[in-house]
C-alpha cells in the first residue's frame, strides 16, 4: 500500500479563485471508490496500490483542462513502503504515540 500527496494547480484561468476547480477535483476523486483520499487545505492525500494511485492522479490532473484551464501544474510526493503495511491513519497514529 502506498501513500501519495499531490497538488494540482490550474494556470491560465479567468480568476484567481480556485475553489471551483477544487470542488470538481473532489467530485472526480469520489468516483474512485477503491482508493482512500483526504483533502487538505493545500493538497490531497491518497492511499492505495501505487499503480492505482498514479491512475487516479492522472484522471484528476485532466479535470482542470476539461473545465477550461489552459495549463495545469501537478506536484506529487509518494511514500511507497515495502517493509510493512502503511496507511494514512497508521502514520498519524505513529506521531501521536510519540507525542504522548
C-alpha atoms as a PDB file:
ATOM      1  CA  UNK A   1       0.000   0.000   0.000  1.00  0.00           C
ATOM      2  CA  UNK A   2       1.355   3.404  -0.963  1.00  0.00           C
ATOM      3  CA  UNK A   3       0.510   6.922   0.112  1.00  0.00           C
ATOM      4  CA  UNK A   4       0.714   9.823  -2.316  1.00  0.00           C
ATOM      5  CA  UNK A   5       0.218  13.513  -1.757  1.00  0.00           C
ATOM      6  CA  UNK A   6      -0.469  15.700  -4.744  1.00  0.00           C
ATOM      7  CA  UNK A   7      -1.299  19.292  -5.533  1.00  0.00           C
ATOM      8  CA  UNK A   8      -2.916  20.369  -8.779  1.00  0.00           C
ATOM      9  CA  UNK A   9      -2.698  23.999  -9.821  1.00  0.00           C
ATOM     10  CA  UNK A  10      -4.690  25.186 -12.837  1.00  0.00           C
ATOM     11  CA  UNK A  11      -2.942  28.021 -14.672  1.00  0.00           C
ATOM     12  CA  UNK A  12      -4.426  30.319 -17.261  1.00  0.00           C
ATOM     13  CA  UNK A  13      -7.843  30.595 -15.650  1.00  0.00           C
ATOM     14  CA  UNK A  14     -10.200  33.560 -15.744  1.00  0.00           C
ATOM     15  CA  UNK A  15      -9.988  34.103 -11.966  1.00  0.00           C
ATOM     16  CA  UNK A  16      -7.532  33.781  -9.090  1.00  0.00           C
ATOM     17  CA  UNK A  17     -10.095  31.758  -7.124  1.00  0.00           C
ATOM     18  CA  UNK A  18      -9.532  28.006  -7.417  1.00  0.00           C
ATOM     19  CA  UNK A  19     -12.296  26.644  -5.162  1.00  0.00           C
ATOM     20  CA  UNK A  20     -14.490  25.732  -8.135  1.00  0.00           C
ATOM     21  CA  UNK A  21     -11.658  23.681  -9.592  1.00  0.00           C
ATOM     22  CA  UNK A  22     -11.041  22.058  -6.206  1.00  0.00           C
ATOM     23  CA  UNK A  23     -14.720  21.099  -5.973  1.00  0.00           C
ATOM     24  CA  UNK A  24     -14.508  19.493  -9.427  1.00  0.00           C
ATOM     25  CA  UNK A  25     -11.374  17.584  -8.373  1.00  0.00           C
ATOM     26  CA  UNK A  26     -13.243  16.313  -5.307  1.00  0.00           C
ATOM     27  CA  UNK A  27     -16.104  15.077  -7.494  1.00  0.00           C
ATOM     28  CA  UNK A  28     -13.629  13.156  -9.653  1.00  0.00           C
ATOM     29  CA  UNK A  29     -11.930  11.616  -6.613  1.00  0.00           C
ATOM     30  CA  UNK A  30     -15.290  10.397  -5.291  1.00  0.00           C
ATOM     31  CA  UNK A  31     -15.681   8.286  -8.448  1.00  0.00           C
ATOM     32  CA  UNK A  32     -12.623   6.198  -7.485  1.00  0.00           C
ATOM     33  CA  UNK A  33     -14.100   4.145  -4.644  1.00  0.00           C
ATOM     34  CA  UNK A  34     -11.133   1.762  -4.464  1.00  0.00           C
ATOM     35  CA  UNK A  35      -8.709   4.374  -3.081  1.00  0.00           C
ATOM     36  CA  UNK A  36      -8.891   6.377   0.125  1.00  0.00           C
ATOM     37  CA  UNK A  37      -8.432  10.129  -0.141  1.00  0.00           C
ATOM     38  CA  UNK A  38      -8.177  13.018   2.252  1.00  0.00           C
ATOM     39  CA  UNK A  39      -8.266  16.590   1.006  1.00  0.00           C
ATOM     40  CA  UNK A  40      -6.315  19.239   2.907  1.00  0.00           C
ATOM     41  CA  UNK A  41      -6.099  22.992   2.546  1.00  0.00           C
ATOM     42  CA  UNK A  42      -3.023  22.637   0.331  1.00  0.00           C
ATOM     43  CA  UNK A  43      -3.380  19.301  -1.458  1.00  0.00           C
ATOM     44  CA  UNK A  44      -4.805  15.792  -1.396  1.00  0.00           C
ATOM     45  CA  UNK A  45      -3.536  12.563   0.153  1.00  0.00           C
ATOM     46  CA  UNK A  46      -4.339   9.206  -1.477  1.00  0.00           C
ATOM     47  CA  UNK A  47      -3.892   5.690  -0.149  1.00  0.00           C
ATOM     48  CA  UNK A  48      -3.872   2.506  -2.225  1.00  0.00           C
ATOM     49  CA  UNK A  49      -1.801   0.375  -4.603  1.00  0.00           C
ATOM     50  CA  UNK A  50       0.847   2.509  -6.311  1.00  0.00           C
ATOM     51  CA  UNK A  51      -0.308   1.748  -9.857  1.00  0.00           C
ATOM     52  CA  UNK A  52      -3.862   2.685  -8.967  1.00  0.00           C
ATOM     53  CA  UNK A  53      -2.793   5.918  -7.251  1.00  0.00           C
ATOM     54  CA  UNK A  54      -0.963   7.022 -10.379  1.00  0.00           C
ATOM     55  CA  UNK A  55      -4.045   6.258 -12.490  1.00  0.00           C
ATOM     56  CA  UNK A  56      -6.247   8.322 -10.184  1.00  0.00           C
ATOM     57  CA  UNK A  57      -3.807  11.238 -10.123  1.00  0.00           C
ATOM     58  CA  UNK A  58      -3.726  11.154 -13.931  1.00  0.00           C
ATOM     59  CA  UNK A  59      -7.543  11.276 -14.059  1.00  0.00           C
ATOM     60  CA  UNK A  60      -7.696  14.157 -11.588  1.00  0.00           C
ATOM     61  CA  UNK A  61      -4.924  16.017 -13.447  1.00  0.00           C
ATOM     62  CA  UNK A  62      -7.202  16.137 -16.523  1.00  0.00           C
ATOM     63  CA  UNK A  63     -10.141  17.752 -14.689  1.00  0.00           C
ATOM     64  CA  UNK A  64      -8.935  21.385 -14.867  1.00  0.00           C
ATOM     65  CA  UNK A  65      -8.333  21.022 -18.612  1.00  0.00           C
ATOM     66  CA  UNK A  66     -11.887  19.727 -19.039  1.00  0.00           C
ATOM     67  CA  UNK A  67     -13.077  22.787 -17.117  1.00  0.00           C
ATOM     68  CA  UNK A  68     -11.227  25.358 -19.207  1.00  0.00           C
ATOM     69  CA  UNK A  69      -7.728  25.677 -17.735  1.00  0.00           C
ATOM     70  CA  UNK A  70      -5.072  26.209 -20.379  1.00  0.00           C
ATOM     71  CA  UNK A  71      -2.228  24.832 -18.271  1.00  0.00           C
ATOM     72  CA  UNK A  72      -2.014  22.551 -15.220  1.00  0.00           C
ATOM     73  CA  UNK A  73       0.896  22.053 -12.839  1.00  0.00           C
ATOM     74  CA  UNK A  74       0.765  18.878 -10.720  1.00  0.00           C
ATOM     75  CA  UNK A  75       3.237  18.073  -7.930  1.00  0.00           C
ATOM     76  CA  UNK A  76       3.346  14.538  -6.492  1.00  0.00           C
ATOM     77  CA  UNK A  77       5.060  13.031  -3.431  1.00  0.00           C
ATOM     78  CA  UNK A  78       4.926   9.252  -2.952  1.00  0.00           C
ATOM     79  CA  UNK A  79       5.639   7.177   0.151  1.00  0.00           C
ATOM     80  CA  UNK A  80       5.828   3.568  -1.046  1.00  0.00           C
ATOM     81  CA  UNK A  81       6.827   1.477   1.963  1.00  0.00           C
ATOM     82  CA  UNK A  82       7.515  -2.195   1.257  1.00  0.00           C
ATOM     83  CA  UNK A  83       8.760  -3.490   4.628  1.00  0.00           C
ATOM     84  CA  UNK A  84       5.383  -3.217   6.371  1.00  0.00           C
ATOM     85  CA  UNK A  85       1.815  -2.091   5.757  1.00  0.00           C
ATOM     86  CA  UNK A  86       1.388   1.679   5.889  1.00  0.00           C
ATOM     87  CA  UNK A  87      -1.688   3.862   5.854  1.00  0.00           C
ATOM     88  CA  UNK A  88      -2.634   7.477   6.418  1.00  0.00           C
ATOM     89  CA  UNK A  89      -4.093   6.660   9.840  1.00  0.00           C
ATOM     90  CA  UNK A  90      -1.102   4.499  10.827  1.00  0.00           C
ATOM     91  CA  UNK A  91       1.311   7.334  10.024  1.00  0.00           C
ATOM     92  CA  UNK A  92      -0.748   9.808  12.059  1.00  0.00           C
ATOM     93  CA  UNK A  93      -1.051   7.374  14.962  1.00  0.00           C
ATOM     94  CA  UNK A  94       2.712   6.814  14.990  1.00  0.00           C
ATOM     95  CA  UNK A  95       3.293  10.543  15.515  1.00  0.00           C
ATOM     96  CA  UNK A  96       0.518  10.763  18.120  1.00  0.00           C
ATOM     97  CA  UNK A  97       2.073   7.891  20.067  1.00  0.00           C
ATOM     98  CA  UNK A  98       5.367   9.740  20.196  1.00  0.00           C
ATOM     99  CA  UNK A  99       3.671  12.918  21.426  1.00  0.00           C
ATOM    100  CA  UNK A 100       2.162  11.133  24.440  1.00  0.00           C
END
